[in-house]
Amino acid sequence: MAILEIEEEVCSSQALPLLSLNHVSLVVKSVWASVRFYVNVLGFVLVKRPSSFDFHGAWLYNYGIGIHLIERDAMDCEYQTSIEPRRIDPKDNHISFQCTDVKLVRRRLEDKGMKYVSAVVEDEGIKVDQVFFHDPDGYMIEVCNCENLPVLPISSPCPFKPNFSSVKYDKMGGITNSCALVLETIMMESLTTEMMNFSF
């Protein structure tokens, strides 16, 4: 089946009204070992978790997304991990973060004594550097300069929401492209809603 046919089939029904990625939830052996990793290595911040939960866990937040950690029950065999550490495989499931300096990421991982695998993706002369490594439970993390590679939608009936970096301004600070005007309206509506939700 051709890509266009797949897209038309997938987009034939109305999509859910999604806004953005909110959080990734991970089942872990030790909440505090994972908290140390996500705070000290990736720069997340521990945030308040609902008091109604009756299981051990932690919530972290940064870069516009949350990481929710759930400590597995020691008797839960479904999530038992092997003694042997998993091979770092870039084709495995992973969470990816953009960064400003891939070389600095590699140096800091080396300073922390962490194993990693590097890869380079190239398309039409554009290169993306990737670094893959595991968290304490073997979940894979990717850090990359993925913004180097433009997101180019294949012809599709599905709407594509523009990236904030696509906004173009004129000399007076006004927005010049129509997609960005829509984006500015959405941002202002979101800001207004957030301001109304503040409790004084």
N, C-alpha and C. Protein backbone atom coordinates (compact mmCIF):
# COMPACT_ATOMS: atom_id res chain seq x y z
N MET A 1 0.85 -1.19 0.00
CA MET A 1 0.00 0.00 0.00
C MET A 1 0.89 1.24 0.00
N ALA A 2 0.62 2.19 -0.86
CA ALA A 2 1.43 3.42 -0.96
C ALA A 2 1.23 4.28 0.28
N ILE A 3 2.25 5.12 0.57
CA ILE A 3 2.20 6.00 1.75
C ILE A 3 0.98 6.91 1.70
N LEU A 4 0.68 7.48 0.53
CA LEU A 4 -0.46 8.40 0.40
C LEU A 4 -1.77 7.68 0.72
N GLU A 5 -1.91 6.42 0.25
CA GLU A 5 -3.12 5.65 0.53
C GLU A 5 -3.26 5.38 2.02
N ILE A 6 -2.15 5.06 2.68
CA ILE A 6 -2.16 4.82 4.13
C ILE A 6 -2.60 6.08 4.85
N GLU A 7 -2.03 7.24 4.46
CA GLU A 7 -2.37 8.50 5.11
C GLU A 7 -3.84 8.85 4.93
N GLU A 8 -4.35 8.63 3.70
CA GLU A 8 -5.75 8.94 3.44
C GLU A 8 -6.66 8.06 4.28
N GLU A 9 -6.27 6.79 4.43
CA GLU A 9 -7.06 5.86 5.24
C GLU A 9 -7.01 6.25 6.71
N VAL A 10 -5.83 6.58 7.20
CA VAL A 10 -5.65 6.97 8.60
C VAL A 10 -6.39 8.26 8.90
N CYS A 11 -6.35 9.22 7.99
CA CYS A 11 -6.93 10.54 8.22
C CYS A 11 -8.39 10.64 7.83
N SER A 12 -9.00 9.52 7.39
CA SER A 12 -10.38 9.59 6.95
C SER A 12 -11.33 9.87 8.10
N SER A 13 -10.99 9.44 9.32
CA SER A 13 -11.82 9.76 10.48
C SER A 13 -11.23 10.97 11.19
N GLN A 14 -12.06 11.64 11.97
CA GLN A 14 -11.61 12.85 12.64
C GLN A 14 -10.67 12.49 13.78
N ALA A 15 -9.52 13.14 13.84
CA ALA A 15 -8.52 12.86 14.87
C ALA A 15 -8.97 13.42 16.21
N LEU A 16 -8.37 12.90 17.28
CA LEU A 16 -8.66 13.40 18.63
C LEU A 16 -8.15 14.83 18.76
N PRO A 17 -8.77 15.66 19.60
CA PRO A 17 -8.35 17.07 19.73
C PRO A 17 -7.13 17.23 20.63
N LEU A 18 -5.99 16.72 20.19
CA LEU A 18 -4.77 16.76 20.99
C LEU A 18 -4.07 18.11 20.87
N LEU A 19 -3.32 18.48 21.92
CA LEU A 19 -2.55 19.73 21.92
C LEU A 19 -1.06 19.46 21.87
N SER A 20 -0.57 18.56 22.75
CA SER A 20 0.87 18.31 22.82
C SER A 20 1.11 17.07 23.67
N LEU A 21 2.36 16.61 23.70
CA LEU A 21 2.74 15.53 24.60
C LEU A 21 2.73 16.06 26.02
N ASN A 22 2.06 15.39 26.94
CA ASN A 22 1.99 15.84 28.33
C ASN A 22 3.05 15.16 29.19
N HIS A 23 3.08 13.82 29.19
CA HIS A 23 4.08 13.13 29.99
C HIS A 23 4.32 11.73 29.44
N VAL A 24 5.43 11.16 29.88
CA VAL A 24 5.77 9.77 29.61
C VAL A 24 5.82 9.08 30.96
N SER A 25 5.15 7.94 31.09
CA SER A 25 5.11 7.23 32.35
C SER A 25 5.97 5.98 32.26
N LEU A 26 6.84 5.78 33.26
CA LEU A 26 7.78 4.66 33.25
C LEU A 26 7.67 3.86 34.55
N VAL A 27 7.63 2.54 34.45
CA VAL A 27 7.65 1.67 35.61
C VAL A 27 9.12 1.40 35.93
N VAL A 28 9.52 1.65 37.19
CA VAL A 28 10.94 1.59 37.56
C VAL A 28 11.14 0.70 38.79
N LYS A 29 12.38 0.20 38.94
CA LYS A 29 12.74 -0.62 40.11
C LYS A 29 12.83 0.24 41.36
N SER A 30 13.49 1.40 41.23
CA SER A 30 13.70 2.30 42.36
C SER A 30 13.36 3.72 41.93
N VAL A 31 12.31 4.27 42.52
CA VAL A 31 11.91 5.64 42.18
C VAL A 31 13.05 6.61 42.43
N TRP A 32 13.73 6.47 43.57
CA TRP A 32 14.74 7.48 43.91
C TRP A 32 15.99 7.37 43.05
N ALA A 33 16.36 6.15 42.63
CA ALA A 33 17.49 6.01 41.70
C ALA A 33 17.14 6.68 40.37
N SER A 34 15.89 6.50 39.92
CA SER A 34 15.46 7.12 38.66
C SER A 34 15.33 8.62 38.80
N VAL A 35 14.83 9.10 39.95
CA VAL A 35 14.75 10.55 40.18
C VAL A 35 16.14 11.16 40.08
N ARG A 36 17.13 10.55 40.72
CA ARG A 36 18.50 11.09 40.66
C ARG A 36 18.98 11.17 39.21
N PHE A 37 18.69 10.13 38.41
CA PHE A 37 19.10 10.12 37.00
C PHE A 37 18.43 11.26 36.23
N TYR A 38 17.11 11.36 36.33
CA TYR A 38 16.39 12.36 35.53
C TYR A 38 16.67 13.79 35.99
N VAL A 39 17.00 13.97 37.27
CA VAL A 39 17.36 15.30 37.77
C VAL A 39 18.81 15.63 37.43
N ASN A 40 19.74 14.74 37.78
CA ASN A 40 21.17 15.03 37.64
C ASN A 40 21.69 14.91 36.22
N VAL A 41 21.15 13.99 35.43
CA VAL A 41 21.66 13.78 34.07
C VAL A 41 20.86 14.60 33.05
N LEU A 42 19.52 14.58 33.16
CA LEU A 42 18.69 15.22 32.15
C LEU A 42 18.12 16.57 32.56
N GLY A 43 18.30 16.98 33.82
CA GLY A 43 17.88 18.32 34.24
C GLY A 43 16.40 18.48 34.53
N PHE A 44 15.70 17.39 34.82
CA PHE A 44 14.29 17.50 35.21
C PHE A 44 14.18 17.98 36.65
N VAL A 45 13.00 18.48 37.01
CA VAL A 45 12.74 19.01 38.34
C VAL A 45 11.61 18.18 38.97
N LEU A 46 11.80 17.78 40.22
CA LEU A 46 10.76 17.04 40.94
C LEU A 46 9.58 17.97 41.20
N VAL A 47 8.36 17.54 40.87
CA VAL A 47 7.16 18.36 41.08
C VAL A 47 6.15 17.58 41.92
N LYS A 48 5.17 18.32 42.46
CA LYS A 48 4.16 17.73 43.33
C LYS A 48 3.34 16.68 42.59
N ARG A 49 3.06 15.61 43.29
CA ARG A 49 2.29 14.50 42.76
C ARG A 49 0.98 14.42 43.56
N PRO A 50 -0.15 14.06 42.93
CA PRO A 50 -1.41 14.00 43.67
C PRO A 50 -1.33 13.10 44.91
N SER A 51 -1.86 13.58 46.01
CA SER A 51 -1.77 12.85 47.29
C SER A 51 -2.70 11.64 47.34
N SER A 52 -3.62 11.54 46.40
CA SER A 52 -4.56 10.41 46.41
C SER A 52 -3.95 9.10 45.91
N PHE A 53 -2.76 9.17 45.29
CA PHE A 53 -2.12 7.94 44.82
C PHE A 53 -1.75 7.06 46.01
N ASP A 54 -2.03 5.75 45.89
CA ASP A 54 -1.69 4.83 46.97
C ASP A 54 -0.53 3.91 46.58
N PHE A 55 0.31 4.37 45.67
CA PHE A 55 1.49 3.61 45.26
C PHE A 55 2.68 4.57 45.18
N HIS A 56 3.88 4.01 45.33
CA HIS A 56 5.10 4.83 45.35
C HIS A 56 5.46 5.29 43.95
N GLY A 57 5.78 6.57 43.83
CA GLY A 57 6.15 7.12 42.53
C GLY A 57 6.64 8.54 42.67
N ALA A 58 6.93 9.17 41.55
CA ALA A 58 7.39 10.57 41.55
C ALA A 58 7.06 11.18 40.19
N TRP A 59 6.82 12.48 40.21
CA TRP A 59 6.60 13.23 38.98
C TRP A 59 7.74 14.22 38.80
N LEU A 60 8.22 14.31 37.56
CA LEU A 60 9.27 15.27 37.20
C LEU A 60 8.78 16.07 36.01
N TYR A 61 9.35 17.27 35.85
CA TYR A 61 8.91 18.12 34.75
C TYR A 61 10.06 19.00 34.26
N ASN A 62 10.14 19.19 32.97
CA ASN A 62 11.02 20.18 32.33
C ASN A 62 10.83 20.07 30.81
N TYR A 63 11.30 21.06 30.08
CA TYR A 63 11.28 21.07 28.62
C TYR A 63 9.87 20.90 28.05
N GLY A 64 8.85 21.27 28.83
CA GLY A 64 7.49 21.19 28.36
C GLY A 64 6.83 19.83 28.49
N ILE A 65 7.52 18.85 29.08
CA ILE A 65 6.91 17.52 29.27
C ILE A 65 7.18 16.99 30.67
N GLY A 66 6.37 16.03 31.08
CA GLY A 66 6.55 15.39 32.37
C GLY A 66 7.05 13.97 32.22
N ILE A 67 7.78 13.51 33.23
CA ILE A 67 8.16 12.11 33.35
C ILE A 67 7.49 11.62 34.63
N HIS A 68 6.63 10.62 34.55
CA HIS A 68 5.97 10.06 35.72
C HIS A 68 6.58 8.70 36.02
N LEU A 69 7.14 8.56 37.19
CA LEU A 69 7.79 7.32 37.60
C LEU A 69 6.86 6.54 38.52
N ILE A 70 6.71 5.25 38.26
CA ILE A 70 5.89 4.37 39.09
C ILE A 70 6.78 3.23 39.55
N GLU A 71 6.92 3.08 40.86
CA GLU A 71 7.77 2.00 41.37
C GLU A 71 7.02 0.68 41.29
N ARG A 72 7.65 -0.29 40.65
CA ARG A 72 6.99 -1.59 40.49
C ARG A 72 7.01 -2.33 41.82
N ASP A 73 6.03 -3.17 42.01
CA ASP A 73 5.97 -4.03 43.19
C ASP A 73 7.08 -5.07 43.06
N ALA A 74 7.81 -5.31 44.13
CA ALA A 74 8.93 -6.26 44.11
C ALA A 74 8.46 -7.66 43.71
N MET A 75 7.19 -7.98 43.95
CA MET A 75 6.67 -9.30 43.63
C MET A 75 6.09 -9.37 42.22
N ASP A 76 6.07 -8.26 41.52
CA ASP A 76 5.47 -8.21 40.18
C ASP A 76 6.44 -8.80 39.17
N CYS A 77 6.17 -10.02 38.73
CA CYS A 77 7.09 -10.71 37.81
C CYS A 77 7.04 -10.15 36.39
N GLU A 78 5.93 -9.48 36.05
CA GLU A 78 5.76 -8.99 34.68
C GLU A 78 6.87 -8.02 34.30
N TYR A 79 7.40 -7.27 35.26
CA TYR A 79 8.41 -6.26 34.96
C TYR A 79 9.80 -6.65 35.44
N GLN A 80 10.04 -7.92 35.72
CA GLN A 80 11.37 -8.33 36.16
C GLN A 80 12.37 -8.10 35.03
N THR A 81 13.52 -7.55 35.38
CA THR A 81 14.54 -7.30 34.37
C THR A 81 15.64 -8.34 34.49
N SER A 82 16.35 -8.56 33.41
CA SER A 82 17.45 -9.52 33.45
C SER A 82 18.66 -8.89 34.12
N ILE A 83 19.55 -9.75 34.60
CA ILE A 83 20.77 -9.26 35.27
C ILE A 83 21.70 -8.61 34.24
N GLU A 84 21.71 -9.15 33.03
CA GLU A 84 22.56 -8.61 31.97
C GLU A 84 22.00 -7.28 31.46
N PRO A 85 22.82 -6.23 31.38
CA PRO A 85 22.32 -4.96 30.83
C PRO A 85 22.02 -5.11 29.34
N ARG A 86 20.97 -4.44 28.89
CA ARG A 86 20.58 -4.51 27.49
C ARG A 86 21.58 -3.74 26.64
N ARG A 87 21.75 -4.24 25.42
CA ARG A 87 22.59 -3.55 24.45
C ARG A 87 21.91 -2.24 24.06
N ILE A 88 22.68 -1.18 23.90
CA ILE A 88 22.13 0.11 23.47
C ILE A 88 21.88 0.03 21.97
N ASP A 89 20.61 -0.02 21.60
CA ASP A 89 20.21 -0.20 20.21
C ASP A 89 19.38 1.01 19.75
N PRO A 90 19.91 1.84 18.87
CA PRO A 90 19.17 3.02 18.41
C PRO A 90 17.80 2.71 17.80
N LYS A 91 17.56 1.45 17.41
CA LYS A 91 16.26 1.08 16.84
C LYS A 91 15.28 0.60 17.90
N ASP A 92 15.67 0.66 19.17
CA ASP A 92 14.79 0.25 20.26
C ASP A 92 13.86 1.41 20.64
N ASN A 93 12.81 1.13 21.43
CA ASN A 93 11.94 2.20 21.93
C ASN A 93 12.78 3.22 22.69
N HIS A 94 12.47 4.49 22.52
CA HIS A 94 13.24 5.51 23.26
C HIS A 94 12.48 6.83 23.35
N ILE A 95 12.92 7.65 24.30
CA ILE A 95 12.43 9.02 24.44
C ILE A 95 13.54 9.90 23.89
N SER A 96 13.20 10.88 23.06
CA SER A 96 14.22 11.72 22.44
C SER A 96 14.10 13.17 22.88
N PHE A 97 15.26 13.78 23.16
CA PHE A 97 15.33 15.19 23.54
C PHE A 97 16.26 15.92 22.57
N GLN A 98 15.87 17.12 22.18
CA GLN A 98 16.76 17.97 21.39
C GLN A 98 17.73 18.65 22.33
N CYS A 99 18.91 18.99 21.81
CA CYS A 99 19.90 19.67 22.64
C CYS A 99 20.60 20.75 21.82
N THR A 100 21.39 21.56 22.49
CA THR A 100 22.12 22.64 21.82
C THR A 100 23.52 22.22 21.41
N ASP A 101 24.09 21.17 22.05
CA ASP A 101 25.49 20.82 21.81
C ASP A 101 25.70 19.33 22.06
N VAL A 102 25.71 18.53 20.98
CA VAL A 102 25.85 17.08 21.10
C VAL A 102 27.22 16.70 21.65
N LYS A 103 28.27 17.43 21.26
CA LYS A 103 29.62 17.12 21.77
C LYS A 103 29.67 17.28 23.29
N LEU A 104 29.04 18.33 23.80
CA LEU A 104 28.99 18.56 25.25
C LEU A 104 28.21 17.44 25.94
N VAL A 105 27.15 16.96 25.33
CA VAL A 105 26.38 15.84 25.89
C VAL A 105 27.29 14.63 26.04
N ARG A 106 28.04 14.31 24.99
CA ARG A 106 28.94 13.15 25.04
C ARG A 106 29.98 13.31 26.14
N ARG A 107 30.58 14.52 26.24
CA ARG A 107 31.59 14.77 27.28
C ARG A 107 31.01 14.57 28.68
N ARG A 108 29.79 15.09 28.89
CA ARG A 108 29.18 14.98 30.23
C ARG A 108 28.82 13.54 30.56
N LEU A 109 28.38 12.78 29.57
CA LEU A 109 28.10 11.36 29.81
C LEU A 109 29.38 10.62 30.16
N GLU A 110 30.47 10.94 29.46
CA GLU A 110 31.76 10.32 29.75
C GLU A 110 32.22 10.69 31.16
N ASP A 111 32.05 11.96 31.56
CA ASP A 111 32.42 12.40 32.91
C ASP A 111 31.65 11.62 33.98
N LYS A 112 30.42 11.24 33.66
CA LYS A 112 29.59 10.49 34.61
C LYS A 112 29.81 8.99 34.51
N GLY A 113 30.71 8.57 33.59
CA GLY A 113 31.00 7.15 33.42
C GLY A 113 29.87 6.37 32.77
N MET A 114 29.06 7.04 31.99
CA MET A 114 27.91 6.39 31.36
C MET A 114 28.23 5.91 29.95
N LYS A 115 27.77 4.71 29.64
CA LYS A 115 27.96 4.16 28.29
C LYS A 115 26.92 4.78 27.35
N TYR A 116 27.34 5.01 26.11
CA TYR A 116 26.42 5.55 25.11
C TYR A 116 26.84 5.08 23.73
N VAL A 117 25.94 5.23 22.77
CA VAL A 117 26.21 4.93 21.37
C VAL A 117 25.87 6.17 20.57
N SER A 118 26.76 6.55 19.65
CA SER A 118 26.52 7.70 18.78
C SER A 118 26.08 7.22 17.40
N ALA A 119 25.29 8.03 16.75
CA ALA A 119 24.87 7.74 15.38
C ALA A 119 24.70 9.06 14.65
N VAL A 120 24.74 8.99 13.33
CA VAL A 120 24.51 10.17 12.49
C VAL A 120 23.48 9.79 11.44
N VAL A 121 22.47 10.64 11.30
CA VAL A 121 21.45 10.47 10.26
C VAL A 121 21.70 11.58 9.24
N GLU A 122 21.67 11.23 7.96
CA GLU A 122 21.91 12.24 6.93
C GLU A 122 20.84 12.16 5.86
N ASP A 123 20.37 13.32 5.44
CA ASP A 123 19.38 13.39 4.36
C ASP A 123 19.65 14.64 3.53
N GLU A 124 19.97 14.44 2.27
CA GLU A 124 20.23 15.55 1.33
C GLU A 124 21.22 16.55 1.89
N GLY A 125 22.31 16.04 2.45
CA GLY A 125 23.38 16.89 2.96
C GLY A 125 23.17 17.43 4.37
N ILE A 126 22.00 17.22 4.95
CA ILE A 126 21.73 17.66 6.32
C ILE A 126 22.05 16.52 7.27
N LYS A 127 22.83 16.82 8.32
CA LYS A 127 23.23 15.77 9.27
C LYS A 127 22.60 16.02 10.63
N VAL A 128 22.19 14.92 11.27
CA VAL A 128 21.67 14.95 12.63
C VAL A 128 22.54 14.02 13.46
N ASP A 129 23.12 14.55 14.54
CA ASP A 129 23.93 13.75 15.46
C ASP A 129 23.04 13.24 16.58
N GLN A 130 23.18 11.95 16.90
CA GLN A 130 22.37 11.33 17.94
C GLN A 130 23.26 10.65 18.97
N VAL A 131 22.82 10.69 20.22
CA VAL A 131 23.50 9.98 21.30
C VAL A 131 22.43 9.18 22.03
N PHE A 132 22.66 7.87 22.20
CA PHE A 132 21.71 6.99 22.86
C PHE A 132 22.34 6.41 24.13
N PHE A 133 21.57 6.36 25.21
CA PHE A 133 22.04 5.76 26.46
C PHE A 133 20.84 5.31 27.28
N HIS A 134 21.09 4.53 28.32
CA HIS A 134 20.02 3.98 29.13
C HIS A 134 19.87 4.70 30.46
N ASP A 135 18.64 4.73 30.97
CA ASP A 135 18.40 5.19 32.34
C ASP A 135 18.65 3.99 33.27
N PRO A 136 18.49 4.14 34.59
CA PRO A 136 18.80 3.02 35.50
C PRO A 136 17.99 1.75 35.25
N ASP A 137 16.82 1.85 34.59
CA ASP A 137 16.00 0.66 34.32
C ASP A 137 16.16 0.14 32.91
N GLY A 138 17.07 0.71 32.15
CA GLY A 138 17.28 0.24 30.78
C GLY A 138 16.40 0.90 29.75
N TYR A 139 15.61 1.91 30.16
CA TYR A 139 14.84 2.68 29.17
C TYR A 139 15.82 3.53 28.38
N MET A 140 15.62 3.58 27.08
CA MET A 140 16.57 4.30 26.25
C MET A 140 16.22 5.77 26.11
N ILE A 141 17.26 6.58 26.19
CA ILE A 141 17.15 8.02 26.00
C ILE A 141 17.97 8.38 24.76
N GLU A 142 17.42 9.25 23.92
CA GLU A 142 18.18 9.81 22.80
C GLU A 142 18.32 11.31 23.03
N VAL A 143 19.50 11.83 22.78
CA VAL A 143 19.71 13.28 22.76
C VAL A 143 20.28 13.59 21.39
N CYS A 144 19.70 14.60 20.72
CA CYS A 144 20.10 14.86 19.33
C CYS A 144 19.96 16.34 19.00
N ASN A 145 20.48 16.70 17.83
CA ASN A 145 20.22 18.02 17.25
C ASN A 145 19.24 17.82 16.10
N CYS A 146 18.12 17.15 16.42
CA CYS A 146 17.12 16.75 15.41
C CYS A 146 16.48 17.93 14.69
N GLU A 147 16.54 19.12 15.30
CA GLU A 147 15.94 20.30 14.65
C GLU A 147 16.67 20.66 13.36
N ASN A 148 17.87 20.10 13.14
CA ASN A 148 18.59 20.32 11.88
C ASN A 148 17.80 19.79 10.68
N LEU A 149 17.05 18.71 10.90
CA LEU A 149 16.30 18.07 9.83
C LEU A 149 14.89 18.66 9.79
N PRO A 150 14.52 19.33 8.72
CA PRO A 150 13.19 19.95 8.67
C PRO A 150 12.09 18.89 8.65
N VAL A 151 10.97 19.22 9.27
CA VAL A 151 9.80 18.34 9.25
C VAL A 151 9.00 18.70 8.00
N LEU A 152 9.04 17.81 7.02
CA LEU A 152 8.39 18.06 5.74
C LEU A 152 7.26 17.06 5.57
N PRO A 153 6.00 17.51 5.75
CA PRO A 153 4.89 16.56 5.62
C PRO A 153 4.75 16.05 4.21
N ILE A 154 4.49 14.74 4.10
CA ILE A 154 4.18 14.15 2.80
C ILE A 154 2.78 14.63 2.47
N SER A 155 2.49 14.87 1.19
CA SER A 155 1.17 15.35 0.79
C SER A 155 0.11 14.53 1.50
N SER A 156 -0.75 15.22 2.27
CA SER A 156 -1.69 14.51 3.11
C SER A 156 -2.90 15.38 3.42
N PRO A 157 -4.08 14.75 3.59
CA PRO A 157 -5.25 15.52 4.00
C PRO A 157 -5.22 15.88 5.49
N CYS A 158 -4.28 15.31 6.24
CA CYS A 158 -4.18 15.60 7.67
C CYS A 158 -3.59 16.99 7.87
N PRO A 159 -4.15 17.79 8.79
CA PRO A 159 -3.57 19.11 9.06
C PRO A 159 -2.26 18.97 9.80
N PHE A 160 -1.33 19.86 9.51
CA PHE A 160 -0.03 19.86 10.17
C PHE A 160 0.13 21.13 10.97
N LYS A 161 0.40 20.99 12.26
CA LYS A 161 0.53 22.18 13.10
C LYS A 161 1.96 22.71 12.99
N PRO A 162 2.14 23.99 12.70
CA PRO A 162 3.48 24.53 12.48
C PRO A 162 4.29 24.59 13.76
N ASN A 163 5.61 24.54 13.59
CA ASN A 163 6.55 24.66 14.70
C ASN A 163 6.72 26.13 15.05
N PHE A 164 6.99 26.41 16.33
CA PHE A 164 7.19 27.79 16.76
C PHE A 164 8.34 28.46 16.00
N SER A 165 9.35 27.69 15.56
CA SER A 165 10.51 28.27 14.89
C SER A 165 10.16 28.77 13.48
N SER A 166 8.95 28.41 12.97
CA SER A 166 8.58 28.84 11.62
C SER A 166 8.01 30.25 11.60
N VAL A 167 7.87 30.87 12.76
CA VAL A 167 7.31 32.22 12.83
C VAL A 167 8.27 33.21 12.20
N LYS A 168 7.77 34.05 11.27
CA LYS A 168 8.58 35.08 10.61
C LYS A 168 8.06 36.45 11.01
N TYR A 169 8.98 37.36 11.34
CA TYR A 169 8.60 38.70 11.79
C TYR A 169 9.08 39.74 10.78
N ASP A 170 8.32 40.84 10.65
CA ASP A 170 8.77 41.95 9.83
C ASP A 170 9.61 42.90 10.70
N LYS A 171 10.07 44.03 10.12
CA LYS A 171 10.95 44.96 10.84
C LYS A 171 10.28 45.58 12.06
N MET A 172 8.97 45.64 12.07
CA MET A 172 8.24 46.24 13.19
C MET A 172 7.84 45.20 14.25
N GLY A 173 8.26 43.95 14.05
CA GLY A 173 7.94 42.91 15.02
C GLY A 173 6.62 42.22 14.75
N GLY A 174 5.97 42.54 13.63
CA GLY A 174 4.71 41.89 13.28
C GLY A 174 4.96 40.55 12.61
N ILE A 175 4.01 39.65 12.75
CA ILE A 175 4.15 38.32 12.16
C ILE A 175 3.73 38.40 10.70
N THR A 176 4.54 37.76 9.80
CA THR A 176 4.31 37.90 8.37
C THR A 176 3.65 36.68 7.73
N ASN A 177 3.86 35.47 8.27
CA ASN A 177 3.27 34.32 7.59
C ASN A 177 1.96 33.89 8.25
N SER A 178 0.99 33.43 7.42
CA SER A 178 -0.37 33.16 7.90
C SER A 178 -0.42 32.03 8.92
N CYS A 179 0.41 31.00 8.75
CA CYS A 179 0.43 29.91 9.73
C CYS A 179 0.84 30.45 11.09
N ALA A 180 1.80 31.34 11.10
CA ALA A 180 2.27 31.91 12.36
C ALA A 180 1.20 32.78 13.00
N LEU A 181 0.35 33.45 12.17
CA LEU A 181 -0.75 34.25 12.72
C LEU A 181 -1.72 33.35 13.48
N VAL A 182 -2.02 32.19 12.92
CA VAL A 182 -2.88 31.23 13.60
C VAL A 182 -2.20 30.78 14.90
N LEU A 183 -0.91 30.51 14.81
CA LEU A 183 -0.14 30.08 15.98
C LEU A 183 -0.14 31.14 17.06
N GLU A 184 0.03 32.42 16.66
CA GLU A 184 0.02 33.51 17.64
C GLU A 184 -1.34 33.57 18.35
N THR A 185 -2.42 33.38 17.60
CA THR A 185 -3.76 33.39 18.20
C THR A 185 -3.90 32.27 19.22
N ILE A 186 -3.44 31.07 18.86
CA ILE A 186 -3.51 29.93 19.78
C ILE A 186 -2.69 30.21 21.04
N MET A 187 -1.48 30.76 20.86
CA MET A 187 -0.62 31.07 22.01
C MET A 187 -1.28 32.08 22.93
N MET A 188 -1.89 33.13 22.36
CA MET A 188 -2.53 34.16 23.18
C MET A 188 -3.74 33.59 23.92
N GLU A 189 -4.52 32.74 23.25
CA GLU A 189 -5.66 32.11 23.91
C GLU A 189 -5.19 31.23 25.06
N SER A 190 -4.11 30.49 24.83
CA SER A 190 -3.56 29.61 25.86
C SER A 190 -3.05 30.43 27.05
N LEU A 191 -2.35 31.53 26.76
CA LEU A 191 -1.84 32.39 27.82
C LEU A 191 -2.97 32.99 28.63
N THR A 192 -4.03 33.44 27.95
CA THR A 192 -5.19 34.01 28.64
C THR A 192 -5.83 32.98 29.55
N THR A 193 -5.99 31.75 29.05
CA THR A 193 -6.58 30.68 29.85
C THR A 193 -5.73 30.40 31.08
N GLU A 194 -4.39 30.33 30.89
CA GLU A 194 -3.50 30.06 32.01
C GLU A 194 -3.58 31.18 33.04
N MET A 195 -3.64 32.43 32.59
CA MET A 195 -3.73 33.54 33.52
C MET A 195 -5.02 33.51 34.30
N MET A 196 -6.11 33.09 33.67
CA MET A 196 -7.39 33.00 34.36
C MET A 196 -7.41 31.88 35.39
N ASN A 197 -6.52 30.88 35.20
CA ASN A 197 -6.47 29.75 36.13
C ASN A 197 -5.61 30.03 37.36
N PHE A 198 -4.89 31.16 37.38
CA PHE A 198 -4.08 31.48 38.55
C PHE A 198 -4.99 31.72 39.74
N SER A 199 -4.62 31.21 40.90
CA SER A 199 -5.39 31.50 42.12
C SER A 199 -4.60 32.48 42.96
N PHE A 200 -5.24 33.53 43.39
CA PHE A 200 -4.56 34.57 44.15
C PHE A 200 -4.84 34.41 45.63
